[in-house]
Amino acid sequence: MKKTEQKQSFVMYGSFLESVEWLPGDDFKEYVLNLRDYALKGIDRDSENPYIQGLLGVAKPLVRRAAERWKDAKKNGNKGKEHG
């Protein structure tokens, strides 16, 4: 994901957290911070932990699609407006 305008928020789906709630504290923190950096800053970090790397691989496409929808809505002037 390319870094464009700095976003201030992203959707944290419940499934993202449910999938990692079993991780020990430091690993859980690494996952959440890596996901945050990817969603908000466009920074794509690899993890040495294969579980974290795999779980991020599942979450990143959803985050990327949400960011693309946000970008399209902003470009088209529909951000915050109802569609339809």
Protein backbone atom coordinates (compact mmCIF):
# COMPACT_ATOMS: atom_id res chain seq x y z
CA MET A 1 0.00 0.00 0.00
CA LYS A 2 1.48 3.33 -1.02
CA LYS A 3 1.75 6.16 1.43
CA THR A 4 -0.55 8.97 0.37
CA GLU A 5 -2.56 11.26 2.60
CA GLN A 6 -2.03 10.33 6.24
CA LYS A 7 -5.13 8.62 7.59
CA GLN A 8 -6.13 9.10 11.20
CA SER A 9 -8.29 5.99 11.65
CA PHE A 10 -8.98 2.54 10.29
CA VAL A 11 -11.50 -0.23 10.86
CA MET A 12 -10.33 -2.87 13.32
CA TYR A 13 -12.61 -5.80 12.57
CA GLY A 14 -13.45 -8.03 15.50
CA SER A 15 -12.06 -11.00 13.59
CA PHE A 16 -8.63 -9.33 13.53
CA LEU A 17 -8.54 -9.34 17.32
CA GLU A 18 -10.27 -12.70 17.78
CA SER A 19 -7.64 -14.33 15.61
CA VAL A 20 -4.77 -13.12 17.81
CA GLU A 21 -6.21 -13.00 21.33
CA TRP A 22 -4.29 -16.19 22.18
CA LEU A 23 -0.92 -14.56 21.45
CA PRO A 24 1.32 -13.64 24.41
CA GLY A 25 1.34 -9.91 25.29
CA ASP A 26 4.41 -8.83 23.32
CA ASP A 27 3.32 -10.75 20.21
CA PHE A 28 -0.20 -9.34 20.47
CA LYS A 29 1.26 -5.84 20.73
CA GLU A 30 3.51 -6.43 17.71
CA TYR A 31 0.53 -7.60 15.64
CA VAL A 32 -1.63 -4.61 16.56
CA LEU A 33 1.16 -2.08 16.02
CA ASN A 34 2.16 -3.62 12.67
CA LEU A 35 -1.46 -3.59 11.54
CA ARG A 36 -1.83 0.03 12.68
CA ASP A 37 1.33 1.11 10.87
CA TYR A 38 0.19 -0.67 7.72
CA ALA A 39 -3.30 0.85 7.79
CA LEU A 40 -2.40 4.39 8.79
CA LYS A 41 1.14 4.94 7.55
CA GLY A 42 1.48 2.48 4.68
CA ILE A 43 4.44 0.81 6.42
CA ASP A 44 4.54 -2.90 5.63
CA ARG A 45 6.72 -4.58 8.26
CA ASP A 46 7.61 -8.24 8.30
CA SER A 47 7.56 -10.15 11.55
CA GLU A 48 10.04 -12.83 12.53
CA ASN A 49 7.12 -14.63 14.22
CA PRO A 50 5.49 -16.83 11.55
CA TYR A 51 2.12 -16.69 13.32
CA ILE A 52 2.07 -12.90 13.30
CA GLN A 53 3.28 -12.81 9.69
CA GLY A 54 0.52 -15.20 8.62
CA LEU A 55 -2.21 -13.39 10.52
CA LEU A 56 -1.14 -10.05 9.10
CA GLY A 57 -1.23 -11.62 5.65
CA VAL A 58 -4.91 -12.37 6.19
CA ALA A 59 -5.76 -8.92 7.58
CA LYS A 60 -3.82 -6.73 5.14
CA PRO A 61 -6.02 -7.33 2.06
CA LEU A 62 -9.11 -6.29 4.07
CA VAL A 63 -7.34 -3.18 5.35
CA ARG A 64 -6.13 -2.39 1.82
CA ARG A 65 -9.65 -2.70 0.35
CA ALA A 66 -11.09 -0.47 3.08
CA ALA A 67 -8.36 2.12 2.37
CA GLU A 68 -9.16 2.00 -1.35
CA ARG A 69 -12.88 2.55 -0.63
CA TRP A 70 -11.97 5.48 1.63
CA LYS A 71 -9.72 6.96 -1.05
CA ASP A 72 -12.38 6.54 -3.76
CA ALA A 73 -15.08 8.06 -1.56
CA LYS A 74 -12.84 11.00 -0.70
CA LYS A 75 -11.95 11.52 -4.36
CA ASN A 76 -15.61 11.42 -5.38
CA GLY A 77 -16.74 13.69 -2.55
CA ASN A 78 -18.84 10.98 -0.91
CA LYS A 79 -16.90 10.60 2.30
CA GLY A 80 -19.37 10.76 5.14
CA LYS A 81 -22.39 10.90 2.84
CA GLU A 82 -24.93 8.20 2.20
CA HIS A 83 -24.60 6.33 -1.06
CA GLY A 84 -27.47 5.19 -3.19
